[in-house]
Amino acid sequence: KVLTVSDGVVAGTRLDESGEALTRCLTEHGFVVIDRRTCSDGTSVVAEALRSVGEDFSGLIVTTGGTGFAPRDQTPEGTRLVIEREAPGIAEAMRTVSPLGRLSRGVVGTSGRALICNTPGSPKGCVEQLEAVVDVLCKEAKCLCINTQANAGNYGFNTVSKYPRADYICVSEKELRLEARTRQKDLKLLMEK
């Protein structure tokens, strides 16, 4: 899921170029973006939007905007109200991608079974920072989806579609195919016993 944090986009005075850029980037890396939303800047607004986007969701939520030093840039503060565990190593790796990246105050952390990742509001900056860690994000999102299942046999797959249920779309298609084959082999072994 992608959440654009921008007073200008909400007011209709600015196009959501960074949200579009993130959606393209995620899609190119094999993710399926199932929801795109916008919200205004501000700590409480961002926190409420993240709670809404993350409700009953397992996967990756990437925000764009509000990570700088302008007075209304409060995405990290709103994110910290929602996340349970911070992942500072991922955020630090994102900042090292370019000299301007070091100006970002974005945070990364988990909320339930969702991994929330803040990126800058510029189309170039958000894509650069996401691409710096997309390989790790894919693995972490997959762990959150699979390792927290109440029923160990339920991996989000159904018999009608090759894709997992919408709330489990969080890994690349290549990994989904591998995961499906592994699950089929596991089921076959269980049935033989």
N, C-alpha and C. Protein backbone atom coordinates (compact mmCIF):
# COMPACT_ATOMS: atom_id res chain seq x y z
N LYS A 1 0.84 -1.17 0.00
CA LYS A 1 0.00 0.00 0.00
C LYS A 1 0.89 1.24 0.00
N VAL A 2 0.39 2.30 -0.61
CA VAL A 2 1.13 3.55 -0.68
C VAL A 2 0.28 4.66 -0.08
N LEU A 3 0.88 5.44 0.82
CA LEU A 3 0.21 6.57 1.45
C LEU A 3 1.01 7.83 1.16
N THR A 4 0.40 8.76 0.43
CA THR A 4 1.04 10.05 0.15
C THR A 4 0.62 11.05 1.21
N VAL A 5 1.59 11.66 1.86
CA VAL A 5 1.34 12.66 2.89
C VAL A 5 1.68 14.03 2.31
N SER A 6 0.65 14.81 1.99
CA SER A 6 0.89 16.10 1.35
C SER A 6 -0.34 16.98 1.43
N ASP A 7 -0.17 18.16 2.05
CA ASP A 7 -1.26 19.13 2.07
C ASP A 7 -1.64 19.54 0.65
N GLY A 8 -0.63 19.73 -0.21
CA GLY A 8 -0.87 20.15 -1.59
C GLY A 8 -1.64 19.14 -2.41
N VAL A 9 -1.33 17.86 -2.27
CA VAL A 9 -2.05 16.82 -3.02
C VAL A 9 -3.50 16.74 -2.53
N VAL A 10 -3.70 16.81 -1.22
CA VAL A 10 -5.05 16.76 -0.67
C VAL A 10 -5.87 17.96 -1.14
N ALA A 11 -5.24 19.14 -1.20
CA ALA A 11 -5.93 20.36 -1.63
C ALA A 11 -6.14 20.41 -3.14
N GLY A 12 -5.46 19.52 -3.88
CA GLY A 12 -5.60 19.51 -5.33
C GLY A 12 -4.72 20.51 -6.04
N THR A 13 -3.75 21.09 -5.35
CA THR A 13 -2.85 22.06 -5.96
C THR A 13 -1.55 21.43 -6.45
N ARG A 14 -1.38 20.15 -6.18
CA ARG A 14 -0.18 19.42 -6.57
C ARG A 14 -0.56 18.03 -7.02
N LEU A 15 0.13 17.52 -8.04
CA LEU A 15 -0.09 16.14 -8.48
C LEU A 15 0.65 15.18 -7.56
N ASP A 16 0.13 13.97 -7.43
CA ASP A 16 0.76 12.95 -6.58
C ASP A 16 1.82 12.19 -7.38
N GLU A 17 2.87 12.90 -7.77
CA GLU A 17 3.93 12.28 -8.58
C GLU A 17 4.73 11.26 -7.78
N SER A 18 4.96 11.51 -6.50
CA SER A 18 5.75 10.57 -5.71
C SER A 18 4.96 9.29 -5.43
N GLY A 19 3.66 9.40 -5.21
CA GLY A 19 2.83 8.20 -5.03
C GLY A 19 2.82 7.34 -6.28
N GLU A 20 2.74 8.01 -7.44
CA GLU A 20 2.79 7.28 -8.71
C GLU A 20 4.15 6.63 -8.91
N ALA A 21 5.21 7.36 -8.58
CA ALA A 21 6.57 6.81 -8.73
C ALA A 21 6.78 5.60 -7.83
N LEU A 22 6.30 5.66 -6.59
CA LEU A 22 6.43 4.51 -5.68
C LEU A 22 5.64 3.32 -6.19
N THR A 23 4.43 3.57 -6.70
CA THR A 23 3.61 2.48 -7.23
C THR A 23 4.32 1.79 -8.38
N ARG A 24 4.90 2.57 -9.30
CA ARG A 24 5.65 1.99 -10.42
C ARG A 24 6.84 1.19 -9.91
N CYS A 25 7.59 1.76 -8.97
CA CYS A 25 8.78 1.10 -8.42
C CYS A 25 8.41 -0.23 -7.75
N LEU A 26 7.40 -0.20 -6.91
CA LEU A 26 6.97 -1.43 -6.23
C LEU A 26 6.52 -2.49 -7.23
N THR A 27 5.77 -2.07 -8.24
CA THR A 27 5.28 -3.00 -9.27
C THR A 27 6.46 -3.60 -10.03
N GLU A 28 7.44 -2.77 -10.38
CA GLU A 28 8.63 -3.27 -11.09
C GLU A 28 9.40 -4.30 -10.26
N HIS A 29 9.30 -4.20 -8.95
CA HIS A 29 10.00 -5.14 -8.08
C HIS A 29 9.11 -6.32 -7.67
N GLY A 30 7.97 -6.48 -8.34
CA GLY A 30 7.13 -7.65 -8.12
C GLY A 30 6.06 -7.51 -7.06
N PHE A 31 5.91 -6.34 -6.46
CA PHE A 31 4.84 -6.13 -5.49
C PHE A 31 3.53 -5.82 -6.22
N VAL A 32 2.44 -6.10 -5.56
CA VAL A 32 1.12 -5.73 -6.07
C VAL A 32 0.58 -4.65 -5.12
N VAL A 33 0.45 -3.44 -5.63
CA VAL A 33 -0.04 -2.33 -4.82
C VAL A 33 -1.57 -2.39 -4.84
N ILE A 34 -2.16 -2.71 -3.69
CA ILE A 34 -3.61 -2.91 -3.64
C ILE A 34 -4.37 -1.68 -3.15
N ASP A 35 -3.65 -0.64 -2.73
CA ASP A 35 -4.33 0.55 -2.22
C ASP A 35 -3.38 1.73 -2.26
N ARG A 36 -3.90 2.87 -2.72
CA ARG A 36 -3.16 4.14 -2.69
C ARG A 36 -4.06 5.19 -2.07
N ARG A 37 -3.54 5.88 -1.07
CA ARG A 37 -4.33 6.92 -0.40
C ARG A 37 -3.49 8.17 -0.20
N THR A 38 -4.17 9.25 0.15
CA THR A 38 -3.49 10.49 0.49
C THR A 38 -4.04 11.01 1.81
N CYS A 39 -3.21 11.77 2.51
CA CYS A 39 -3.65 12.46 3.72
C CYS A 39 -2.84 13.74 3.86
N SER A 40 -3.35 14.65 4.66
CA SER A 40 -2.65 15.90 4.94
C SER A 40 -1.47 15.64 5.85
N ASP A 41 -0.58 16.65 5.91
CA ASP A 41 0.53 16.60 6.84
C ASP A 41 0.02 16.77 8.26
N GLY A 42 0.85 16.40 9.23
CA GLY A 42 0.52 16.56 10.64
C GLY A 42 0.56 15.23 11.37
N THR A 43 1.06 15.26 12.58
CA THR A 43 1.27 14.05 13.37
C THR A 43 0.01 13.21 13.52
N SER A 44 -1.06 13.79 14.02
CA SER A 44 -2.26 13.00 14.30
C SER A 44 -2.95 12.54 13.02
N VAL A 45 -2.90 13.35 11.98
CA VAL A 45 -3.52 12.96 10.70
C VAL A 45 -2.79 11.77 10.10
N VAL A 46 -1.46 11.82 10.13
CA VAL A 46 -0.65 10.71 9.59
C VAL A 46 -0.90 9.44 10.41
N ALA A 47 -0.91 9.57 11.73
CA ALA A 47 -1.13 8.39 12.58
C ALA A 47 -2.49 7.76 12.28
N GLU A 48 -3.52 8.56 12.15
CA GLU A 48 -4.86 8.03 11.86
C GLU A 48 -4.90 7.38 10.49
N ALA A 49 -4.27 8.00 9.51
CA ALA A 49 -4.25 7.42 8.15
C ALA A 49 -3.52 6.08 8.15
N LEU A 50 -2.40 6.00 8.87
CA LEU A 50 -1.65 4.73 8.93
C LEU A 50 -2.45 3.65 9.65
N ARG A 51 -3.17 4.02 10.70
CA ARG A 51 -4.02 3.03 11.38
C ARG A 51 -5.09 2.51 10.43
N SER A 52 -5.68 3.40 9.66
CA SER A 52 -6.72 3.01 8.71
C SER A 52 -6.16 2.12 7.60
N VAL A 53 -5.05 2.54 7.01
CA VAL A 53 -4.42 1.77 5.93
C VAL A 53 -3.95 0.40 6.42
N GLY A 54 -3.44 0.36 7.65
CA GLY A 54 -2.88 -0.88 8.17
C GLY A 54 -3.85 -1.81 8.86
N GLU A 55 -5.10 -1.39 8.99
CA GLU A 55 -6.08 -2.22 9.70
C GLU A 55 -6.27 -3.56 8.99
N ASP A 56 -6.07 -4.65 9.72
CA ASP A 56 -6.20 -6.01 9.19
C ASP A 56 -5.38 -6.23 7.93
N PHE A 57 -4.20 -5.65 7.87
CA PHE A 57 -3.34 -5.76 6.69
C PHE A 57 -2.03 -6.42 7.06
N SER A 58 -1.60 -7.33 6.22
CA SER A 58 -0.28 -7.95 6.35
C SER A 58 0.51 -7.59 5.11
N GLY A 59 1.58 -6.86 5.28
CA GLY A 59 2.39 -6.49 4.13
C GLY A 59 3.11 -5.19 4.32
N LEU A 60 3.42 -4.55 3.21
CA LEU A 60 4.24 -3.36 3.19
C LEU A 60 3.40 -2.12 2.96
N ILE A 61 3.62 -1.10 3.80
CA ILE A 61 2.99 0.21 3.62
C ILE A 61 4.12 1.20 3.46
N VAL A 62 4.17 1.89 2.32
CA VAL A 62 5.21 2.88 2.06
C VAL A 62 4.56 4.25 2.03
N THR A 63 5.08 5.16 2.86
CA THR A 63 4.60 6.53 2.84
C THR A 63 5.57 7.39 2.04
N THR A 64 5.06 8.47 1.48
CA THR A 64 5.91 9.44 0.79
C THR A 64 5.51 10.82 1.23
N GLY A 65 6.49 11.61 1.65
CA GLY A 65 6.24 12.98 2.06
C GLY A 65 6.31 13.17 3.56
N GLY A 66 6.60 14.41 3.94
CA GLY A 66 6.58 14.78 5.35
C GLY A 66 7.76 14.35 6.18
N THR A 67 8.89 14.03 5.53
CA THR A 67 10.05 13.54 6.28
C THR A 67 11.15 14.59 6.43
N GLY A 68 10.90 15.81 5.93
CA GLY A 68 11.90 16.87 5.99
C GLY A 68 11.79 17.69 7.26
N PHE A 69 12.17 18.97 7.15
CA PHE A 69 12.24 19.84 8.32
C PHE A 69 11.25 21.00 8.29
N ALA A 70 10.34 21.03 7.33
CA ALA A 70 9.32 22.07 7.32
C ALA A 70 8.42 21.88 8.54
N PRO A 71 7.80 22.94 9.02
CA PRO A 71 6.98 22.82 10.23
C PRO A 71 5.91 21.73 10.18
N ARG A 72 5.30 21.52 9.00
CA ARG A 72 4.24 20.52 8.90
C ARG A 72 4.76 19.13 8.54
N ASP A 73 6.04 18.97 8.32
CA ASP A 73 6.64 17.66 8.01
C ASP A 73 6.70 16.83 9.28
N GLN A 74 5.66 16.05 9.52
CA GLN A 74 5.56 15.29 10.77
C GLN A 74 5.21 13.81 10.54
N THR A 75 5.56 13.31 9.36
CA THR A 75 5.28 11.89 9.07
C THR A 75 6.01 10.96 10.04
N PRO A 76 7.30 11.18 10.34
CA PRO A 76 7.96 10.27 11.30
C PRO A 76 7.30 10.29 12.68
N GLU A 77 6.87 11.47 13.13
CA GLU A 77 6.22 11.56 14.44
C GLU A 77 4.89 10.80 14.44
N GLY A 78 4.12 10.94 13.35
CA GLY A 78 2.87 10.20 13.25
C GLY A 78 3.09 8.70 13.14
N THR A 79 4.13 8.31 12.42
CA THR A 79 4.46 6.90 12.27
C THR A 79 4.86 6.29 13.61
N ARG A 80 5.63 7.02 14.39
CA ARG A 80 6.07 6.50 15.69
C ARG A 80 4.90 6.27 16.65
N LEU A 81 3.78 6.98 16.45
CA LEU A 81 2.60 6.75 17.28
C LEU A 81 1.92 5.42 16.94
N VAL A 82 2.22 4.89 15.76
CA VAL A 82 1.55 3.68 15.25
C VAL A 82 2.42 2.43 15.36
N ILE A 83 3.72 2.59 15.11
CA ILE A 83 4.58 1.39 15.07
C ILE A 83 4.84 0.86 16.48
N GLU A 84 5.02 -0.46 16.52
CA GLU A 84 5.32 -1.14 17.79
C GLU A 84 6.82 -1.35 17.97
N ARG A 85 7.50 -1.64 16.85
CA ARG A 85 8.95 -1.86 16.90
C ARG A 85 9.58 -1.12 15.73
N GLU A 86 10.60 -0.35 16.02
CA GLU A 86 11.29 0.41 14.99
C GLU A 86 12.41 -0.45 14.38
N ALA A 87 12.69 -0.22 13.10
CA ALA A 87 13.77 -0.91 12.39
C ALA A 87 14.77 0.14 11.92
N PRO A 88 15.59 0.65 12.84
CA PRO A 88 16.48 1.76 12.49
C PRO A 88 17.51 1.43 11.42
N GLY A 89 17.93 0.19 11.33
CA GLY A 89 18.93 -0.18 10.32
C GLY A 89 18.41 0.01 8.91
N ILE A 90 17.13 -0.27 8.69
CA ILE A 90 16.56 -0.08 7.35
C ILE A 90 16.50 1.40 7.03
N ALA A 91 16.02 2.21 7.98
CA ALA A 91 15.94 3.66 7.75
C ALA A 91 17.33 4.26 7.52
N GLU A 92 18.32 3.79 8.25
CA GLU A 92 19.68 4.30 8.07
C GLU A 92 20.21 3.94 6.68
N ALA A 93 19.95 2.73 6.22
CA ALA A 93 20.39 2.32 4.89
C ALA A 93 19.72 3.16 3.81
N MET A 94 18.48 3.52 4.01
CA MET A 94 17.77 4.36 3.05
C MET A 94 18.42 5.75 2.95
N ARG A 95 18.83 6.28 4.07
CA ARG A 95 19.41 7.63 4.09
C ARG A 95 20.78 7.70 3.41
N THR A 96 21.50 6.59 3.35
CA THR A 96 22.85 6.61 2.79
C THR A 96 22.89 6.55 1.27
N VAL A 97 21.75 6.45 0.63
CA VAL A 97 21.71 6.28 -0.82
C VAL A 97 22.18 7.53 -1.58
N SER A 98 22.03 8.70 -0.99
CA SER A 98 22.48 9.93 -1.63
C SER A 98 22.74 10.99 -0.57
N PRO A 99 23.51 12.03 -0.92
CA PRO A 99 23.77 13.09 0.06
C PRO A 99 22.47 13.73 0.58
N LEU A 100 21.49 13.96 -0.28
CA LEU A 100 20.23 14.54 0.17
C LEU A 100 19.43 13.58 1.05
N GLY A 101 19.68 12.28 0.89
CA GLY A 101 18.99 11.28 1.71
C GLY A 101 19.25 11.46 3.19
N ARG A 102 20.39 12.02 3.51
CA ARG A 102 20.74 12.23 4.91
C ARG A 102 19.88 13.29 5.58
N LEU A 103 19.14 14.05 4.77
CA LEU A 103 18.22 15.06 5.32
C LEU A 103 16.86 14.46 5.69
N SER A 104 16.62 13.23 5.29
CA SER A 104 15.34 12.59 5.59
C SER A 104 15.30 12.12 7.04
N ARG A 105 14.16 12.34 7.67
CA ARG A 105 13.96 11.88 9.05
C ARG A 105 13.07 10.64 9.09
N GLY A 106 12.85 10.00 7.95
CA GLY A 106 11.94 8.86 7.87
C GLY A 106 12.31 7.73 8.81
N VAL A 107 11.28 7.01 9.24
CA VAL A 107 11.46 5.84 10.10
C VAL A 107 10.84 4.62 9.43
N VAL A 108 11.25 3.46 9.89
CA VAL A 108 10.70 2.18 9.43
C VAL A 108 10.38 1.37 10.67
N GLY A 109 9.24 0.69 10.66
CA GLY A 109 8.89 -0.14 11.81
C GLY A 109 7.67 -0.99 11.54
N THR A 110 7.35 -1.85 12.49
CA THR A 110 6.22 -2.75 12.33
C THR A 110 5.02 -2.28 13.15
N SER A 111 3.87 -2.54 12.59
CA SER A 111 2.60 -2.30 13.26
C SER A 111 1.73 -3.51 12.98
N GLY A 112 1.56 -4.36 13.97
CA GLY A 112 0.86 -5.62 13.72
C GLY A 112 1.66 -6.44 12.73
N ARG A 113 1.01 -6.83 11.62
CA ARG A 113 1.68 -7.61 10.57
C ARG A 113 2.09 -6.75 9.39
N ALA A 114 2.08 -5.42 9.58
CA ALA A 114 2.48 -4.52 8.51
C ALA A 114 3.85 -3.93 8.80
N LEU A 115 4.59 -3.71 7.75
CA LEU A 115 5.87 -3.03 7.83
C LEU A 115 5.66 -1.65 7.20
N ILE A 116 5.88 -0.60 7.98
CA ILE A 116 5.68 0.77 7.52
C ILE A 116 7.04 1.39 7.24
N CYS A 117 7.14 2.03 6.08
CA CYS A 117 8.40 2.59 5.62
C CYS A 117 8.16 4.02 5.13
N ASN A 118 8.79 5.01 5.76
CA ASN A 118 8.67 6.41 5.34
C ASN A 118 9.70 6.74 4.28
N THR A 119 9.28 7.41 3.21
CA THR A 119 10.20 7.90 2.18
C THR A 119 9.95 9.39 1.96
N PRO A 120 10.91 10.09 1.35
CA PRO A 120 10.74 11.52 1.09
C PRO A 120 9.60 11.81 0.11
N GLY A 121 9.26 13.08 -0.03
CA GLY A 121 8.15 13.48 -0.89
C GLY A 121 8.51 13.73 -2.33
N SER A 122 9.78 13.72 -2.67
CA SER A 122 10.15 13.92 -4.08
C SER A 122 10.11 12.59 -4.81
N PRO A 123 9.64 12.59 -6.08
CA PRO A 123 9.59 11.33 -6.83
C PRO A 123 10.95 10.63 -6.92
N LYS A 124 12.01 11.40 -7.16
CA LYS A 124 13.34 10.80 -7.25
C LYS A 124 13.79 10.25 -5.89
N GLY A 125 13.63 11.05 -4.83
CA GLY A 125 14.08 10.65 -3.50
C GLY A 125 13.35 9.44 -2.96
N CYS A 126 12.04 9.37 -3.16
CA CYS A 126 11.29 8.23 -2.61
C CYS A 126 11.68 6.93 -3.30
N VAL A 127 11.88 7.00 -4.62
CA VAL A 127 12.28 5.79 -5.36
C VAL A 127 13.70 5.38 -4.99
N GLU A 128 14.62 6.34 -4.92
CA GLU A 128 16.01 6.02 -4.54
C GLU A 128 16.07 5.33 -3.18
N GLN A 129 15.34 5.88 -2.22
CA GLN A 129 15.40 5.30 -0.88
C GLN A 129 14.72 3.93 -0.83
N LEU A 130 13.61 3.77 -1.52
CA LEU A 130 12.94 2.47 -1.53
C LEU A 130 13.82 1.42 -2.21
N GLU A 131 14.41 1.76 -3.34
CA GLU A 131 15.24 0.80 -4.06
C GLU A 131 16.48 0.39 -3.26
N ALA A 132 16.93 1.25 -2.37
CA ALA A 132 18.10 0.92 -1.55
C ALA A 132 17.84 -0.25 -0.61
N VAL A 133 16.56 -0.49 -0.28
CA VAL A 133 16.24 -1.52 0.71
C VAL A 133 15.13 -2.46 0.27
N VAL A 134 14.70 -2.39 -0.98
CA VAL A 134 13.54 -3.18 -1.40
C VAL A 134 13.76 -4.68 -1.22
N ASP A 135 15.00 -5.14 -1.38
CA ASP A 135 15.26 -6.57 -1.20
C ASP A 135 15.01 -6.99 0.25
N VAL A 136 15.40 -6.16 1.19
CA VAL A 136 15.20 -6.46 2.61
C VAL A 136 13.72 -6.31 2.98
N LEU A 137 13.07 -5.30 2.43
CA LEU A 137 11.65 -5.08 2.72
C LEU A 137 10.81 -6.27 2.30
N CYS A 138 11.14 -6.83 1.16
CA CYS A 138 10.40 -7.99 0.65
C CYS A 138 10.52 -9.16 1.61
N LYS A 139 11.71 -9.43 2.08
CA LYS A 139 11.92 -10.54 3.01
C LYS A 139 11.23 -10.28 4.35
N GLU A 140 11.32 -9.06 4.87
CA GLU A 140 10.71 -8.73 6.16
C GLU A 140 9.18 -8.79 6.07
N ALA A 141 8.63 -8.25 4.99
CA ALA A 141 7.18 -8.29 4.83
C ALA A 141 6.70 -9.73 4.74
N LYS A 142 7.47 -10.58 4.06
CA LYS A 142 7.10 -11.99 3.95
C LYS A 142 7.12 -12.66 5.32
N CYS A 143 8.12 -12.37 6.13
CA CYS A 143 8.18 -12.94 7.49
C CYS A 143 6.99 -12.50 8.32
N LEU A 144 6.62 -11.25 8.23
CA LEU A 144 5.47 -10.76 8.99
C LEU A 144 4.19 -11.46 8.56
N CYS A 145 4.05 -11.71 7.26
CA CYS A 145 2.83 -12.35 6.75
C CYS A 145 2.73 -13.80 7.16
N ILE A 146 3.80 -14.53 7.03
CA ILE A 146 3.74 -15.97 7.25
C ILE A 146 3.92 -16.35 8.71
N ASN A 147 4.83 -15.72 9.41
CA ASN A 147 5.17 -16.15 10.76
C ASN A 147 4.14 -15.77 11.82
N THR A 148 3.15 -14.96 11.49
CA THR A 148 2.18 -14.56 12.49
C THR A 148 0.81 -15.17 12.25
N GLN A 149 0.72 -16.17 11.42
CA GLN A 149 -0.57 -16.80 11.14
C GLN A 149 -1.06 -17.58 12.35
N ALA A 150 -2.34 -17.40 12.68
CA ALA A 150 -2.93 -18.17 13.78
C ALA A 150 -2.98 -19.65 13.40
N ASN A 151 -3.25 -19.92 12.14
CA ASN A 151 -3.31 -21.29 11.65
C ASN A 151 -2.09 -21.51 10.76
N ALA A 152 -1.17 -22.32 11.19
CA ALA A 152 0.10 -22.50 10.46
C ALA A 152 -0.12 -22.99 9.04
N GLY A 153 -1.23 -23.64 8.75
CA GLY A 153 -1.50 -24.13 7.41
C GLY A 153 -2.09 -23.08 6.49
N ASN A 154 -2.48 -21.94 7.02
CA ASN A 154 -3.09 -20.90 6.19
C ASN A 154 -2.04 -19.88 5.79
N TYR A 155 -1.59 -19.94 4.56
CA TYR A 155 -0.57 -19.02 4.07
C TYR A 155 -1.15 -17.97 3.14
N GLY A 156 -2.46 -17.79 3.18
CA GLY A 156 -3.05 -16.74 2.38
C GLY A 156 -3.36 -17.13 0.96
N PHE A 157 -3.18 -18.37 0.59
CA PHE A 157 -3.44 -18.80 -0.76
C PHE A 157 -4.85 -19.36 -0.86
N ASN A 158 -5.48 -19.17 -2.00
CA ASN A 158 -6.77 -19.80 -2.22
C ASN A 158 -6.67 -20.67 -3.46
N THR A 159 -7.68 -21.45 -3.71
CA THR A 159 -7.61 -22.40 -4.82
C THR A 159 -8.04 -21.80 -6.15
N VAL A 160 -8.60 -20.59 -6.15
CA VAL A 160 -9.09 -19.98 -7.38
C VAL A 160 -8.01 -19.18 -8.09
N SER A 161 -7.15 -18.51 -7.32
CA SER A 161 -6.19 -17.58 -7.90
C SER A 161 -4.77 -18.00 -7.57
N LYS A 162 -3.84 -17.63 -8.47
CA LYS A 162 -2.43 -17.90 -8.18
C LYS A 162 -1.87 -16.90 -7.18
N TYR A 163 -2.61 -15.82 -6.92
CA TYR A 163 -2.17 -14.81 -5.98
C TYR A 163 -2.75 -15.07 -4.60
N PRO A 164 -2.08 -14.61 -3.58
CA PRO A 164 -2.64 -14.77 -2.23
C PRO A 164 -3.82 -13.83 -2.04
N ARG A 165 -4.55 -14.03 -0.95
CA ARG A 165 -5.64 -13.11 -0.63
C ARG A 165 -5.10 -11.69 -0.56
N ALA A 166 -5.95 -10.73 -0.76
CA ALA A 166 -5.52 -9.33 -0.84
C ALA A 166 -4.75 -8.88 0.39
N ASP A 167 -5.12 -9.37 1.56
CA ASP A 167 -4.43 -8.90 2.75
C ASP A 167 -3.08 -9.58 2.96
N TYR A 168 -2.70 -10.45 2.07
CA TYR A 168 -1.39 -11.08 2.17
C TYR A 168 -0.50 -10.76 0.98
N ILE A 169 -0.91 -9.83 0.14
CA ILE A 169 -0.09 -9.48 -1.01
C ILE A 169 1.07 -8.63 -0.52
N CYS A 170 2.24 -9.23 -0.42
CA CYS A 170 3.36 -8.48 0.14
C CYS A 170 4.70 -8.95 -0.37
N VAL A 171 4.72 -9.97 -1.20
CA VAL A 171 6.00 -10.47 -1.68
C VAL A 171 5.98 -10.50 -3.20
N SER A 172 7.12 -10.67 -3.80
CA SER A 172 7.21 -10.68 -5.25
C SER A 172 6.52 -11.92 -5.81
N GLU A 173 6.12 -11.82 -7.07
CA GLU A 173 5.44 -12.95 -7.72
C GLU A 173 6.35 -14.17 -7.77
N LYS A 174 7.64 -13.96 -7.99
CA LYS A 174 8.60 -15.07 -8.01
C LYS A 174 8.58 -15.81 -6.67
N GLU A 175 8.60 -15.04 -5.57
CA GLU A 175 8.58 -15.67 -4.25
C GLU A 175 7.24 -16.33 -3.97
N LEU A 176 6.16 -15.78 -4.50
CA LEU A 176 4.85 -16.40 -4.32
C LEU A 176 4.80 -17.77 -4.98
N ARG A 177 5.35 -17.85 -6.21
CA ARG A 177 5.36 -19.14 -6.90
C ARG A 177 6.19 -20.17 -6.13
N LEU A 178 7.36 -19.73 -5.63
CA LEU A 178 8.20 -20.61 -4.84
C LEU A 178 7.49 -21.04 -3.56
N GLU A 179 6.84 -20.08 -2.88
CA GLU A 179 6.11 -20.38 -1.65
C GLU A 179 4.97 -21.36 -1.93
N ALA A 180 4.26 -21.17 -3.03
CA ALA A 180 3.14 -22.05 -3.37
C ALA A 180 3.64 -23.47 -3.63
N ARG A 181 4.75 -23.59 -4.37
CA ARG A 181 5.31 -24.92 -4.64
C ARG A 181 5.73 -25.60 -3.34
N THR A 182 6.36 -24.84 -2.46
CA THR A 182 6.79 -25.39 -1.17
C THR A 182 5.59 -25.86 -0.37
N ARG A 183 4.53 -25.07 -0.32
CA ARG A 183 3.32 -25.44 0.43
C ARG A 183 2.67 -26.68 -0.18
N GLN A 184 2.65 -26.78 -1.51
CA GLN A 184 2.07 -27.96 -2.16
C GLN A 184 2.85 -29.21 -1.80
N LYS A 185 4.18 -29.12 -1.78
CA LYS A 185 5.02 -30.26 -1.40
C LYS A 185 4.76 -30.65 0.05
N ASP A 186 4.66 -29.63 0.94
CA ASP A 186 4.38 -29.89 2.35
C ASP A 186 3.05 -30.61 2.52
N LEU A 187 2.03 -30.14 1.82
CA LEU A 187 0.71 -30.76 1.90
C LEU A 187 0.72 -32.20 1.39
N LYS A 188 1.44 -32.40 0.30
CA LYS A 188 1.55 -33.74 -0.28
C LYS A 188 2.21 -34.69 0.73
N LEU A 189 3.28 -34.25 1.38
CA LEU A 189 3.95 -35.08 2.38
C LEU A 189 3.03 -35.39 3.55
N LEU A 190 2.27 -34.39 4.00
CA LEU A 190 1.32 -34.62 5.11
C LEU A 190 0.25 -35.62 4.73
N MET A 191 -0.24 -35.54 3.51
CA MET A 191 -1.31 -36.45 3.07
C MET A 191 -0.81 -37.88 2.91
N GLU A 192 0.46 -38.03 2.57
CA GLU A 192 1.03 -39.37 2.43
C GLU A 192 1.21 -40.08 3.75
N LYS A 193 1.28 -39.33 4.84
CA LYS A 193 1.50 -39.93 6.16
C LYS A 193 0.30 -40.56 6.71
